[in-house]
Amino acid sequence: MTSIFQRALGPDFARLHPRLQRRFSVGLDSGEACVGFGTMERVWHGGAFVRPFLALGATRNILVPDTGRGVPFTIVNFPYLDSHGRETVTFAHSFFFPARRRRFDATMVFDPRRGGVVDYLGTHQHLASDLELRAGEDGSLLIRSGEHRFREGVVDVRVPSLVGGDAEVCESYDERAGCFRVRVRVVNRRFGPLFGYEGSFSVDYVPTAGRPVRSDLRPRREEVRL
């Protein structure tokens, strides 16, 4: 079985830079996790009016309300089977600001009906988004979020575009510097830029055989609805 990203990209997966191919091959069959560590050259957010929304999102590890330059950063991609029997890969981002650490958590699964990856955000997976993945001409991986859905109890609604944010992610490998580079930008269609970051990191691959996913990487609530 291939990773969830290989399944979503299909033949385009072979167009990714070889370092990206290995990084996004992380899954149950790969037998390894990917741990990244580096520095975000810039972490930013939009105008003052977005700060209350960012602060609210931060309570569930969905958004980052702080800004800074030269911010130490880690990301952990660990594959595991969730409580619904689905192969899941963590994207646990940590930003180490001078006064505090901020987390931005996502867990990703493959949706066989849509043939793509679904991104659950935060500690309780209340927000789910379809992801569009494609390989860039330079071997980079380009990711755009699609429709957002909010799920809590019997509530199952589509998040209007005026409220939600469209995420754009570009991850590449810099041969000259010998590191991965990432650029993330979240924009509201009416109010403009909300949040983003850009920087570089290196990775280590860690064997997962016999190692359960750490409790702090796993969501407190796992949503079955895609």
N, C-alpha and C. Protein backbone atom coordinates (compact mmCIF):
# COMPACT_ATOMS: atom_id res chain seq x y z
N MET A 1 0.85 -1.19 0.00
CA MET A 1 0.00 0.00 0.00
C MET A 1 0.89 1.25 0.00
N THR A 2 0.53 2.25 -0.78
CA THR A 2 1.27 3.50 -0.81
C THR A 2 0.75 4.46 0.24
N SER A 3 1.49 5.56 0.45
CA SER A 3 1.07 6.55 1.45
C SER A 3 -0.18 7.28 0.96
N ILE A 4 -0.83 7.99 1.88
CA ILE A 4 -2.04 8.73 1.51
C ILE A 4 -1.73 9.80 0.47
N PHE A 5 -0.53 10.34 0.49
CA PHE A 5 -0.16 11.39 -0.46
C PHE A 5 0.15 10.80 -1.84
N GLN A 6 0.75 9.63 -1.87
CA GLN A 6 0.98 8.94 -3.14
C GLN A 6 -0.34 8.60 -3.80
N ARG A 7 -1.31 8.14 -3.01
CA ARG A 7 -2.61 7.80 -3.56
C ARG A 7 -3.31 9.03 -4.12
N ALA A 8 -3.20 10.15 -3.40
CA ALA A 8 -3.88 11.37 -3.84
C ALA A 8 -3.24 11.97 -5.09
N LEU A 9 -1.92 11.93 -5.18
CA LEU A 9 -1.21 12.53 -6.31
C LEU A 9 -1.16 11.62 -7.53
N GLY A 10 -1.23 10.31 -7.32
CA GLY A 10 -1.15 9.39 -8.44
C GLY A 10 0.19 9.52 -9.17
N PRO A 11 0.17 9.48 -10.50
CA PRO A 11 1.42 9.56 -11.27
C PRO A 11 2.23 10.83 -11.00
N ASP A 12 1.56 11.91 -10.59
CA ASP A 12 2.27 13.17 -10.33
C ASP A 12 3.25 13.05 -9.16
N PHE A 13 3.07 12.02 -8.31
CA PHE A 13 3.97 11.87 -7.17
C PHE A 13 5.42 11.73 -7.64
N ALA A 14 5.62 11.06 -8.78
CA ALA A 14 6.97 10.84 -9.30
C ALA A 14 7.63 12.12 -9.79
N ARG A 15 6.85 13.20 -9.95
CA ARG A 15 7.39 14.47 -10.39
C ARG A 15 7.95 15.30 -9.23
N LEU A 16 7.66 14.89 -8.00
CA LEU A 16 8.20 15.60 -6.85
C LEU A 16 9.70 15.38 -6.74
N HIS A 17 10.39 16.35 -6.14
CA HIS A 17 11.81 16.18 -5.85
C HIS A 17 11.98 14.89 -5.03
N PRO A 18 13.03 14.12 -5.25
CA PRO A 18 13.22 12.87 -4.50
C PRO A 18 13.15 13.03 -2.99
N ARG A 19 13.65 14.15 -2.46
CA ARG A 19 13.57 14.37 -1.01
C ARG A 19 12.11 14.54 -0.56
N LEU A 20 11.31 15.19 -1.41
CA LEU A 20 9.90 15.34 -1.08
C LEU A 20 9.16 14.01 -1.23
N GLN A 21 9.58 13.21 -2.21
CA GLN A 21 8.96 11.91 -2.37
C GLN A 21 9.15 11.08 -1.10
N ARG A 22 10.35 11.10 -0.54
CA ARG A 22 10.55 10.32 0.68
C ARG A 22 9.75 10.90 1.84
N ARG A 23 9.77 12.22 1.96
CA ARG A 23 9.06 12.86 3.08
C ARG A 23 7.57 12.55 3.04
N PHE A 24 6.98 12.58 1.85
CA PHE A 24 5.54 12.35 1.75
C PHE A 24 5.19 10.90 1.45
N SER A 25 6.20 10.02 1.58
CA SER A 25 5.95 8.58 1.58
C SER A 25 5.71 8.07 3.00
N VAL A 26 5.87 8.93 3.99
CA VAL A 26 5.66 8.53 5.38
C VAL A 26 4.23 8.01 5.55
N GLY A 27 4.13 6.81 6.06
CA GLY A 27 2.83 6.18 6.26
C GLY A 27 3.02 4.90 7.04
N LEU A 28 1.95 4.14 7.21
CA LEU A 28 2.04 2.91 7.98
C LEU A 28 3.01 1.92 7.33
N ASP A 29 3.02 1.85 6.00
CA ASP A 29 3.89 0.91 5.33
C ASP A 29 5.35 1.33 5.30
N SER A 30 5.60 2.61 5.44
CA SER A 30 6.99 3.09 5.39
C SER A 30 7.76 2.70 6.65
N GLY A 31 7.03 2.53 7.75
CA GLY A 31 7.68 2.15 9.01
C GLY A 31 8.50 3.25 9.63
N GLU A 32 8.22 4.49 9.27
CA GLU A 32 9.00 5.58 9.85
C GLU A 32 8.16 6.85 9.95
N ALA A 33 8.58 7.70 10.87
CA ALA A 33 8.01 9.03 11.03
C ALA A 33 9.03 10.05 10.56
N CYS A 34 8.57 11.26 10.29
CA CYS A 34 9.46 12.34 9.84
C CYS A 34 9.38 13.47 10.86
N VAL A 35 10.54 13.86 11.39
CA VAL A 35 10.60 14.94 12.38
C VAL A 35 11.44 16.07 11.80
N GLY A 36 10.82 17.23 11.64
CA GLY A 36 11.50 18.38 11.07
C GLY A 36 11.83 19.43 12.12
N PHE A 37 12.94 20.13 11.92
CA PHE A 37 13.33 21.19 12.86
C PHE A 37 14.06 22.27 12.07
N GLY A 38 13.69 23.53 12.33
CA GLY A 38 14.30 24.61 11.59
C GLY A 38 13.87 25.96 12.13
N THR A 39 13.78 26.93 11.24
CA THR A 39 13.47 28.30 11.63
C THR A 39 12.50 28.90 10.62
N MET A 40 11.46 29.53 11.13
CA MET A 40 10.58 30.29 10.27
C MET A 40 11.10 31.73 10.21
N GLU A 41 11.48 32.13 9.02
CA GLU A 41 12.01 33.48 8.86
C GLU A 41 10.98 34.53 9.23
N ARG A 42 9.72 34.20 9.01
CA ARG A 42 8.66 35.17 9.30
C ARG A 42 7.38 34.43 9.61
N VAL A 43 6.75 34.80 10.73
CA VAL A 43 5.40 34.36 11.07
C VAL A 43 4.56 35.63 11.18
N TRP A 44 3.46 35.69 10.45
CA TRP A 44 2.71 36.95 10.36
C TRP A 44 1.20 36.69 10.46
N HIS A 45 0.46 37.75 10.71
CA HIS A 45 -1.00 37.69 10.59
C HIS A 45 -1.50 39.00 10.04
N GLY A 46 -2.77 39.02 9.68
CA GLY A 46 -3.39 40.20 9.08
C GLY A 46 -3.60 41.31 10.10
N GLY A 47 -4.50 42.24 9.76
CA GLY A 47 -4.75 43.41 10.59
C GLY A 47 -5.31 43.06 11.96
N ALA A 48 -5.44 44.09 12.78
CA ALA A 48 -5.88 43.90 14.17
C ALA A 48 -7.24 43.21 14.26
N PHE A 49 -8.07 43.38 13.25
CA PHE A 49 -9.42 42.81 13.31
C PHE A 49 -9.41 41.28 13.30
N VAL A 50 -8.31 40.66 12.84
CA VAL A 50 -8.28 39.19 12.80
C VAL A 50 -7.76 38.59 14.10
N ARG A 51 -7.19 39.41 14.98
CA ARG A 51 -6.56 38.85 16.18
C ARG A 51 -7.53 38.08 17.07
N PRO A 52 -8.77 38.55 17.30
CA PRO A 52 -9.69 37.76 18.13
C PRO A 52 -9.97 36.38 17.54
N PHE A 53 -10.07 36.28 16.22
CA PHE A 53 -10.33 34.99 15.58
C PHE A 53 -9.11 34.07 15.70
N LEU A 54 -7.92 34.66 15.56
CA LEU A 54 -6.71 33.88 15.70
C LEU A 54 -6.54 33.38 17.13
N ALA A 55 -6.85 34.25 18.09
CA ALA A 55 -6.74 33.87 19.49
C ALA A 55 -7.72 32.74 19.83
N LEU A 56 -8.94 32.82 19.26
CA LEU A 56 -9.93 31.76 19.48
C LEU A 56 -9.43 30.46 18.86
N GLY A 57 -8.91 30.52 17.64
CA GLY A 57 -8.40 29.32 16.99
C GLY A 57 -7.24 28.71 17.75
N ALA A 58 -6.43 29.55 18.39
CA ALA A 58 -5.26 29.06 19.12
C ALA A 58 -5.65 28.17 20.30
N THR A 59 -6.87 28.33 20.83
CA THR A 59 -7.30 27.51 21.96
C THR A 59 -7.48 26.05 21.54
N ARG A 60 -7.63 25.82 20.24
CA ARG A 60 -7.77 24.45 19.72
C ARG A 60 -6.61 24.10 18.77
N ASN A 61 -5.52 24.83 18.86
CA ASN A 61 -4.33 24.58 18.03
C ASN A 61 -4.65 24.64 16.54
N ILE A 62 -5.45 25.63 16.15
CA ILE A 62 -5.81 25.78 14.74
C ILE A 62 -5.09 26.95 14.09
N LEU A 63 -4.93 28.04 14.80
CA LEU A 63 -4.29 29.23 14.24
C LEU A 63 -3.23 29.75 15.21
N VAL A 64 -2.35 30.59 14.70
CA VAL A 64 -1.27 31.15 15.51
C VAL A 64 -1.44 32.67 15.57
N PRO A 65 -1.74 33.24 16.74
CA PRO A 65 -1.98 34.69 16.84
C PRO A 65 -0.72 35.52 17.00
N ASP A 66 0.45 34.90 17.17
CA ASP A 66 1.69 35.64 17.39
C ASP A 66 2.39 35.93 16.07
N THR A 67 3.28 36.89 16.11
CA THR A 67 4.11 37.20 14.95
C THR A 67 5.58 37.20 15.38
N GLY A 68 6.48 37.07 14.42
CA GLY A 68 7.89 37.12 14.77
C GLY A 68 8.76 36.79 13.59
N ARG A 69 10.05 37.00 13.77
CA ARG A 69 11.05 36.63 12.77
C ARG A 69 12.10 35.74 13.42
N GLY A 70 12.63 34.81 12.64
CA GLY A 70 13.61 33.88 13.20
C GLY A 70 13.03 33.01 14.28
N VAL A 71 11.83 32.48 14.05
CA VAL A 71 11.11 31.71 15.07
C VAL A 71 11.50 30.23 14.95
N PRO A 72 12.09 29.63 16.00
CA PRO A 72 12.38 28.19 15.96
C PRO A 72 11.08 27.39 15.74
N PHE A 73 11.24 26.28 15.01
CA PHE A 73 10.06 25.57 14.51
C PHE A 73 10.32 24.08 14.47
N THR A 74 9.31 23.27 14.77
CA THR A 74 9.39 21.83 14.57
C THR A 74 8.08 21.34 13.94
N ILE A 75 8.18 20.24 13.22
CA ILE A 75 6.99 19.59 12.67
C ILE A 75 7.17 18.09 12.80
N VAL A 76 6.11 17.40 13.23
CA VAL A 76 6.16 15.95 13.41
C VAL A 76 5.10 15.31 12.53
N ASN A 77 5.54 14.43 11.65
CA ASN A 77 4.64 13.64 10.80
C ASN A 77 4.74 12.19 11.26
N PHE A 78 3.72 11.74 11.96
CA PHE A 78 3.73 10.38 12.53
C PHE A 78 2.50 9.64 12.02
N PRO A 79 2.68 8.47 11.37
CA PRO A 79 1.52 7.71 10.88
C PRO A 79 0.96 6.77 11.94
N TYR A 80 -0.37 6.63 11.96
CA TYR A 80 -1.00 5.71 12.91
C TYR A 80 -2.41 5.38 12.42
N LEU A 81 -3.01 4.38 13.01
CA LEU A 81 -4.41 4.06 12.75
C LEU A 81 -5.26 4.79 13.78
N ASP A 82 -6.23 5.58 13.31
CA ASP A 82 -7.07 6.29 14.27
C ASP A 82 -8.14 5.35 14.82
N SER A 83 -9.01 5.87 15.68
CA SER A 83 -10.01 5.03 16.35
C SER A 83 -11.06 4.51 15.38
N HIS A 84 -11.08 5.03 14.16
CA HIS A 84 -12.02 4.57 13.14
C HIS A 84 -11.34 3.66 12.11
N GLY A 85 -10.09 3.26 12.41
CA GLY A 85 -9.39 2.33 11.55
C GLY A 85 -8.79 2.94 10.30
N ARG A 86 -8.62 4.27 10.27
CA ARG A 86 -8.10 4.94 9.08
C ARG A 86 -6.62 5.27 9.26
N GLU A 87 -5.83 5.07 8.20
CA GLU A 87 -4.45 5.52 8.24
C GLU A 87 -4.44 7.04 8.34
N THR A 88 -3.71 7.54 9.32
CA THR A 88 -3.69 8.97 9.62
C THR A 88 -2.24 9.42 9.76
N VAL A 89 -1.96 10.63 9.28
CA VAL A 89 -0.63 11.20 9.43
C VAL A 89 -0.74 12.54 10.13
N THR A 90 0.03 12.72 11.20
CA THR A 90 0.01 13.98 11.94
C THR A 90 0.85 15.04 11.22
N PHE A 91 0.40 16.28 11.33
CA PHE A 91 1.20 17.45 10.96
C PHE A 91 1.15 18.39 12.15
N ALA A 92 1.98 18.08 13.14
CA ALA A 92 1.99 18.83 14.39
C ALA A 92 3.10 19.87 14.32
N HIS A 93 2.69 21.14 14.11
CA HIS A 93 3.65 22.25 14.00
C HIS A 93 3.80 22.92 15.36
N SER A 94 5.03 23.21 15.75
CA SER A 94 5.29 23.98 16.97
C SER A 94 6.14 25.20 16.61
N PHE A 95 5.71 26.35 17.10
CA PHE A 95 6.43 27.61 16.89
C PHE A 95 6.87 28.10 18.26
N PHE A 96 8.16 28.32 18.43
CA PHE A 96 8.70 28.67 19.74
C PHE A 96 8.99 30.17 19.79
N PHE A 97 7.97 30.93 20.19
CA PHE A 97 8.12 32.37 20.36
C PHE A 97 8.79 32.64 21.71
N PRO A 98 9.35 33.84 21.91
CA PRO A 98 10.06 34.12 23.17
C PRO A 98 9.24 33.87 24.42
N ALA A 99 7.94 34.19 24.38
CA ALA A 99 7.13 34.08 25.59
C ALA A 99 6.36 32.77 25.70
N ARG A 100 6.21 32.04 24.59
CA ARG A 100 5.38 30.84 24.62
C ARG A 100 5.59 29.99 23.38
N ARG A 101 5.14 28.75 23.48
CA ARG A 101 5.09 27.88 22.31
C ARG A 101 3.67 27.86 21.78
N ARG A 102 3.53 27.93 20.47
CA ARG A 102 2.23 27.81 19.84
C ARG A 102 2.19 26.54 19.00
N ARG A 103 1.04 25.87 19.00
CA ARG A 103 0.86 24.67 18.21
C ARG A 103 -0.16 24.93 17.11
N PHE A 104 0.10 24.35 15.96
CA PHE A 104 -0.84 24.36 14.84
C PHE A 104 -0.93 22.92 14.37
N ASP A 105 -2.06 22.26 14.69
CA ASP A 105 -2.18 20.82 14.49
C ASP A 105 -3.10 20.49 13.33
N ALA A 106 -2.70 19.50 12.56
CA ALA A 106 -3.55 18.94 11.51
C ALA A 106 -3.31 17.44 11.47
N THR A 107 -4.35 16.69 11.18
CA THR A 107 -4.23 15.25 10.95
C THR A 107 -4.90 14.95 9.62
N MET A 108 -4.26 14.13 8.82
CA MET A 108 -4.71 13.92 7.45
C MET A 108 -5.03 12.45 7.20
N VAL A 109 -6.12 12.23 6.46
CA VAL A 109 -6.53 10.88 6.07
C VAL A 109 -6.87 10.91 4.58
N PHE A 110 -6.94 9.72 3.98
CA PHE A 110 -7.32 9.61 2.57
C PHE A 110 -8.80 9.28 2.48
N ASP A 111 -9.50 10.01 1.61
CA ASP A 111 -10.92 9.77 1.37
C ASP A 111 -11.06 9.01 0.05
N PRO A 112 -11.36 7.72 0.08
CA PRO A 112 -11.44 6.96 -1.17
C PRO A 112 -12.57 7.41 -2.09
N ARG A 113 -13.62 7.99 -1.52
CA ARG A 113 -14.73 8.44 -2.37
C ARG A 113 -14.31 9.61 -3.24
N ARG A 114 -13.59 10.55 -2.67
CA ARG A 114 -13.15 11.72 -3.43
C ARG A 114 -11.80 11.48 -4.09
N GLY A 115 -11.08 10.46 -3.64
CA GLY A 115 -9.76 10.20 -4.18
C GLY A 115 -8.74 11.23 -3.77
N GLY A 116 -8.92 11.81 -2.59
CA GLY A 116 -8.02 12.86 -2.14
C GLY A 116 -7.83 12.84 -0.64
N VAL A 117 -7.02 13.77 -0.15
CA VAL A 117 -6.70 13.88 1.27
C VAL A 117 -7.67 14.83 1.94
N VAL A 118 -8.13 14.44 3.12
CA VAL A 118 -8.94 15.32 3.98
C VAL A 118 -8.07 15.75 5.15
N ASP A 119 -8.08 17.04 5.41
CA ASP A 119 -7.26 17.65 6.46
C ASP A 119 -8.17 18.03 7.62
N TYR A 120 -7.99 17.37 8.77
CA TYR A 120 -8.71 17.74 9.99
C TYR A 120 -7.84 18.71 10.77
N LEU A 121 -8.42 19.82 11.23
CA LEU A 121 -7.65 20.83 11.93
C LEU A 121 -7.95 20.82 13.43
N GLY A 122 -6.89 21.04 14.22
CA GLY A 122 -7.06 21.29 15.63
C GLY A 122 -7.13 20.05 16.50
N THR A 123 -7.28 20.30 17.78
CA THR A 123 -7.26 19.25 18.79
C THR A 123 -8.53 18.40 18.78
N HIS A 124 -9.62 18.91 18.20
CA HIS A 124 -10.89 18.18 18.25
C HIS A 124 -11.45 17.87 16.86
N GLN A 125 -10.67 18.13 15.82
CA GLN A 125 -11.08 17.82 14.45
C GLN A 125 -12.45 18.39 14.10
N HIS A 126 -12.74 19.58 14.63
CA HIS A 126 -14.02 20.21 14.31
C HIS A 126 -14.08 20.71 12.88
N LEU A 127 -12.94 21.05 12.31
CA LEU A 127 -12.89 21.56 10.95
C LEU A 127 -12.22 20.54 10.04
N ALA A 128 -12.87 20.27 8.90
CA ALA A 128 -12.30 19.37 7.89
C ALA A 128 -12.28 20.09 6.56
N SER A 129 -11.23 19.84 5.80
CA SER A 129 -11.08 20.51 4.51
C SER A 129 -10.53 19.53 3.48
N ASP A 130 -11.08 19.56 2.28
CA ASP A 130 -10.51 18.78 1.18
C ASP A 130 -9.26 19.49 0.69
N LEU A 131 -8.24 18.72 0.36
CA LEU A 131 -6.99 19.30 -0.13
C LEU A 131 -6.78 18.96 -1.59
N GLU A 132 -6.33 19.95 -2.34
CA GLU A 132 -5.92 19.74 -3.73
C GLU A 132 -4.40 19.74 -3.76
N LEU A 133 -3.81 18.63 -4.19
CA LEU A 133 -2.36 18.49 -4.23
C LEU A 133 -1.89 18.39 -5.68
N ARG A 134 -0.78 19.05 -5.97
CA ARG A 134 -0.18 18.89 -7.29
C ARG A 134 1.32 19.14 -7.21
N ALA A 135 2.03 18.58 -8.16
CA ALA A 135 3.48 18.75 -8.23
C ALA A 135 3.80 19.95 -9.09
N GLY A 136 4.70 20.81 -8.60
CA GLY A 136 5.14 21.97 -9.37
C GLY A 136 6.19 21.58 -10.38
N GLU A 137 6.44 22.47 -11.33
CA GLU A 137 7.43 22.21 -12.37
C GLU A 137 8.83 22.02 -11.80
N ASP A 138 9.09 22.63 -10.64
CA ASP A 138 10.41 22.53 -10.01
C ASP A 138 10.51 21.39 -9.01
N GLY A 139 9.50 20.50 -8.98
CA GLY A 139 9.52 19.39 -8.05
C GLY A 139 8.93 19.71 -6.69
N SER A 140 8.38 20.90 -6.54
CA SER A 140 7.76 21.29 -5.27
C SER A 140 6.38 20.64 -5.14
N LEU A 141 5.85 20.67 -3.93
CA LEU A 141 4.48 20.21 -3.68
C LEU A 141 3.63 21.42 -3.37
N LEU A 142 2.55 21.57 -4.11
CA LEU A 142 1.62 22.69 -3.95
C LEU A 142 0.31 22.15 -3.40
N ILE A 143 -0.18 22.77 -2.34
CA ILE A 143 -1.40 22.32 -1.69
C ILE A 143 -2.35 23.51 -1.54
N ARG A 144 -3.60 23.30 -1.92
CA ARG A 144 -4.65 24.30 -1.71
C ARG A 144 -5.81 23.65 -0.99
N SER A 145 -6.37 24.37 -0.02
CA SER A 145 -7.53 23.85 0.68
C SER A 145 -8.79 24.12 -0.14
N GLY A 146 -9.74 23.21 -0.01
CA GLY A 146 -11.02 23.37 -0.70
C GLY A 146 -12.12 23.69 0.28
N GLU A 147 -13.24 23.02 0.13
CA GLU A 147 -14.39 23.28 0.99
C GLU A 147 -14.07 22.94 2.44
N HIS A 148 -14.51 23.82 3.36
CA HIS A 148 -14.36 23.58 4.79
C HIS A 148 -15.71 23.12 5.36
N ARG A 149 -15.63 22.15 6.27
CA ARG A 149 -16.84 21.65 6.92
C ARG A 149 -16.64 21.68 8.44
N PHE A 150 -17.68 22.09 9.17
CA PHE A 150 -17.64 22.13 10.64
C PHE A 150 -18.51 21.01 11.18
N ARG A 151 -17.93 20.19 12.07
CA ARG A 151 -18.67 19.07 12.64
C ARG A 151 -18.56 19.09 14.16
N GLU A 152 -19.70 19.05 14.82
CA GLU A 152 -19.74 18.94 16.29
C GLU A 152 -21.09 18.36 16.66
N GLY A 153 -21.11 17.14 17.22
CA GLY A 153 -22.36 16.49 17.55
C GLY A 153 -23.21 16.29 16.29
N VAL A 154 -24.45 16.76 16.33
CA VAL A 154 -25.34 16.62 15.17
C VAL A 154 -25.10 17.71 14.13
N VAL A 155 -24.27 18.69 14.47
CA VAL A 155 -24.00 19.79 13.55
C VAL A 155 -23.02 19.32 12.47
N ASP A 156 -23.40 19.56 11.22
CA ASP A 156 -22.56 19.19 10.08
C ASP A 156 -22.86 20.20 8.98
N VAL A 157 -22.06 21.27 8.94
CA VAL A 157 -22.37 22.36 8.02
C VAL A 157 -21.14 22.76 7.22
N ARG A 158 -21.37 23.30 6.05
CA ARG A 158 -20.31 23.86 5.24
C ARG A 158 -19.99 25.26 5.76
N VAL A 159 -18.71 25.57 5.90
CA VAL A 159 -18.30 26.90 6.38
C VAL A 159 -18.33 27.87 5.21
N PRO A 160 -19.12 28.96 5.30
CA PRO A 160 -19.19 29.93 4.20
C PRO A 160 -17.82 30.54 3.91
N SER A 161 -17.55 30.84 2.66
CA SER A 161 -16.25 31.40 2.27
C SER A 161 -15.99 32.74 2.94
N LEU A 162 -17.05 33.48 3.30
CA LEU A 162 -16.86 34.77 3.96
C LEU A 162 -16.31 34.61 5.38
N VAL A 163 -16.45 33.41 5.93
CA VAL A 163 -15.99 33.16 7.29
C VAL A 163 -14.67 32.39 7.29
N GLY A 164 -14.54 31.42 6.39
CA GLY A 164 -13.38 30.55 6.37
C GLY A 164 -12.17 31.19 5.72
N GLY A 165 -11.07 30.44 5.73
CA GLY A 165 -9.83 30.89 5.11
C GLY A 165 -9.31 29.86 4.13
N ASP A 166 -8.86 30.33 3.00
CA ASP A 166 -8.28 29.44 1.99
C ASP A 166 -6.77 29.35 2.22
N ALA A 167 -6.28 28.13 2.39
CA ALA A 167 -4.86 27.93 2.66
C ALA A 167 -4.12 27.56 1.38
N GLU A 168 -2.93 28.14 1.22
CA GLU A 168 -2.03 27.80 0.13
C GLU A 168 -0.68 27.43 0.74
N VAL A 169 -0.19 26.26 0.38
CA VAL A 169 1.07 25.76 0.93
C VAL A 169 1.99 25.39 -0.23
N CYS A 170 3.24 25.80 -0.14
CA CYS A 170 4.25 25.38 -1.10
C CYS A 170 5.44 24.84 -0.32
N GLU A 171 5.76 23.57 -0.55
CA GLU A 171 6.93 22.97 0.09
C GLU A 171 7.89 22.49 -0.99
N SER A 172 9.16 22.81 -0.83
CA SER A 172 10.16 22.47 -1.83
C SER A 172 11.45 22.04 -1.14
N TYR A 173 12.39 21.54 -1.95
CA TYR A 173 13.69 21.19 -1.41
C TYR A 173 14.75 22.04 -2.10
N ASP A 174 15.56 22.71 -1.28
CA ASP A 174 16.62 23.58 -1.76
C ASP A 174 17.93 22.79 -1.81
N GLU A 175 18.35 22.41 -3.02
CA GLU A 175 19.56 21.60 -3.18
C GLU A 175 20.80 22.33 -2.67
N ARG A 176 20.89 23.62 -2.98
CA ARG A 176 22.09 24.37 -2.61
C ARG A 176 22.23 24.49 -1.10
N ALA A 177 21.11 24.78 -0.41
CA ALA A 177 21.17 24.94 1.05
C ALA A 177 21.03 23.61 1.79
N GLY A 178 20.55 22.58 1.09
CA GLY A 178 20.38 21.28 1.72
C GLY A 178 19.28 21.26 2.76
N CYS A 179 18.14 21.89 2.46
CA CYS A 179 17.04 21.93 3.41
C CYS A 179 15.71 22.04 2.67
N PHE A 180 14.65 21.77 3.40
CA PHE A 180 13.30 21.97 2.89
C PHE A 180 12.90 23.43 3.12
N ARG A 181 12.11 23.95 2.21
CA ARG A 181 11.56 25.29 2.37
C ARG A 181 10.03 25.20 2.30
N VAL A 182 9.38 25.98 3.15
CA VAL A 182 7.92 25.96 3.20
C VAL A 182 7.40 27.39 3.24
N ARG A 183 6.30 27.60 2.55
CA ARG A 183 5.59 28.89 2.58
C ARG A 183 4.10 28.61 2.70
N VAL A 184 3.48 29.18 3.73
CA VAL A 184 2.05 28.97 4.01
C VAL A 184 1.36 30.31 4.08
N ARG A 185 0.20 30.40 3.45
CA ARG A 185 -0.57 31.64 3.43
C ARG A 185 -2.05 31.28 3.52
N VAL A 186 -2.74 31.87 4.50
CA VAL A 186 -4.18 31.65 4.69
C VAL A 186 -4.88 32.98 4.44
N VAL A 187 -5.82 32.97 3.51
CA VAL A 187 -6.47 34.20 3.07
C VAL A 187 -7.98 34.04 3.12
N ASN A 188 -8.67 35.07 3.61
CA ASN A 188 -10.13 35.13 3.54
C ASN A 188 -10.52 35.88 2.27
N ARG A 189 -11.49 35.35 1.56
CA ARG A 189 -11.85 35.90 0.25
C ARG A 189 -12.36 37.33 0.32
N ARG A 190 -12.85 37.74 1.47
CA ARG A 190 -13.36 39.11 1.61
C ARG A 190 -12.39 40.00 2.37
N PHE A 191 -11.82 39.47 3.46
CA PHE A 191 -11.03 40.31 4.35
C PHE A 191 -9.52 40.25 4.07
N GLY A 192 -9.11 39.38 3.16
CA GLY A 192 -7.70 39.35 2.79
C GLY A 192 -6.86 38.42 3.64
N PRO A 193 -5.53 38.66 3.70
CA PRO A 193 -4.62 37.77 4.42
C PRO A 193 -4.95 37.65 5.91
N LEU A 194 -4.94 36.40 6.40
CA LEU A 194 -5.23 36.15 7.81
C LEU A 194 -3.98 35.74 8.59
N PHE A 195 -3.18 34.85 8.02
CA PHE A 195 -2.11 34.22 8.78
C PHE A 195 -1.17 33.51 7.82
N GLY A 196 0.11 33.43 8.19
CA GLY A 196 1.04 32.69 7.35
C GLY A 196 2.42 32.62 7.96
N TYR A 197 3.27 31.83 7.31
CA TYR A 197 4.66 31.72 7.75
C TYR A 197 5.50 31.19 6.60
N GLU A 198 6.80 31.42 6.68
CA GLU A 198 7.72 30.90 5.67
C GLU A 198 9.09 30.72 6.30
N GLY A 199 9.78 29.67 5.88
CA GLY A 199 11.10 29.40 6.43
C GLY A 199 11.65 28.10 5.90
N SER A 200 12.59 27.51 6.63
CA SER A 200 13.27 26.31 6.18
C SER A 200 13.45 25.34 7.34
N PHE A 201 13.65 24.07 7.00
CA PHE A 201 13.86 23.07 8.04
C PHE A 201 14.56 21.85 7.45
N SER A 202 15.19 21.08 8.33
CA SER A 202 15.79 19.80 8.00
C SER A 202 14.96 18.70 8.67
N VAL A 203 15.17 17.45 8.25
CA VAL A 203 14.35 16.38 8.82
C VAL A 203 15.21 15.20 9.22
N ASP A 204 14.71 14.45 10.19
CA ASP A 204 15.21 13.13 10.55
C ASP A 204 14.07 12.14 10.37
N TYR A 205 14.42 10.90 10.02
CA TYR A 205 13.43 9.85 9.89
C TYR A 205 13.61 8.87 11.05
N VAL A 206 12.51 8.59 11.74
CA VAL A 206 12.56 7.81 12.97
C VAL A 206 11.74 6.54 12.78
N PRO A 207 12.29 5.35 13.07
CA PRO A 207 11.51 4.12 12.95
C PRO A 207 10.29 4.14 13.86
N THR A 208 9.16 3.63 13.36
CA THR A 208 7.93 3.64 14.15
C THR A 208 7.54 2.25 14.63
N ALA A 209 8.25 1.21 14.23
CA ALA A 209 7.88 -0.15 14.61
C ALA A 209 7.79 -0.28 16.12
N GLY A 210 6.62 -0.69 16.60
CA GLY A 210 6.42 -0.88 18.03
C GLY A 210 6.23 0.39 18.82
N ARG A 211 6.20 1.53 18.12
CA ARG A 211 6.03 2.81 18.82
C ARG A 211 4.63 3.36 18.57
N PRO A 212 3.81 3.48 19.60
CA PRO A 212 2.51 4.11 19.41
C PRO A 212 2.67 5.61 19.23
N VAL A 213 1.69 6.23 18.58
CA VAL A 213 1.72 7.67 18.43
C VAL A 213 1.63 8.32 19.80
N ARG A 214 2.44 9.36 20.03
CA ARG A 214 2.41 10.05 21.31
C ARG A 214 1.04 10.68 21.54
N SER A 215 0.60 10.69 22.77
CA SER A 215 -0.73 11.22 23.09
C SER A 215 -0.84 12.70 22.76
N ASP A 216 0.25 13.46 22.85
CA ASP A 216 0.18 14.90 22.57
C ASP A 216 0.11 15.19 21.08
N LEU A 217 0.36 14.17 20.23
CA LEU A 217 0.25 14.36 18.79
C LEU A 217 -1.14 13.98 18.29
N ARG A 218 -1.84 13.18 19.06
CA ARG A 218 -3.14 12.66 18.63
C ARG A 218 -4.25 13.61 19.06
N PRO A 219 -5.26 13.85 18.21
CA PRO A 219 -6.37 14.73 18.61
C PRO A 219 -7.11 14.18 19.83
N ARG A 220 -7.69 15.05 20.60
CA ARG A 220 -8.48 14.63 21.76
C ARG A 220 -9.80 14.03 21.33
N ARG A 221 -10.26 14.40 20.17
CA ARG A 221 -11.51 13.88 19.60
C ARG A 221 -11.26 13.55 18.14
N GLU A 222 -11.73 12.40 17.67
CA GLU A 222 -11.54 12.01 16.28
C GLU A 222 -12.89 11.93 15.58
N GLU A 223 -13.02 12.71 14.53
CA GLU A 223 -14.27 12.83 13.78
C GLU A 223 -14.33 11.77 12.69
N VAL A 224 -15.44 11.01 12.64
CA VAL A 224 -15.56 9.95 11.66
C VAL A 224 -16.01 10.49 10.29
N ARG A 225 -16.74 11.63 10.31
CA ARG A 225 -17.27 12.14 9.05
C ARG A 225 -16.18 12.80 8.24
N LEU A 226 -16.14 12.47 6.95
CA LEU A 226 -15.21 13.08 6.04
C LEU A 226 -15.87 14.29 5.39
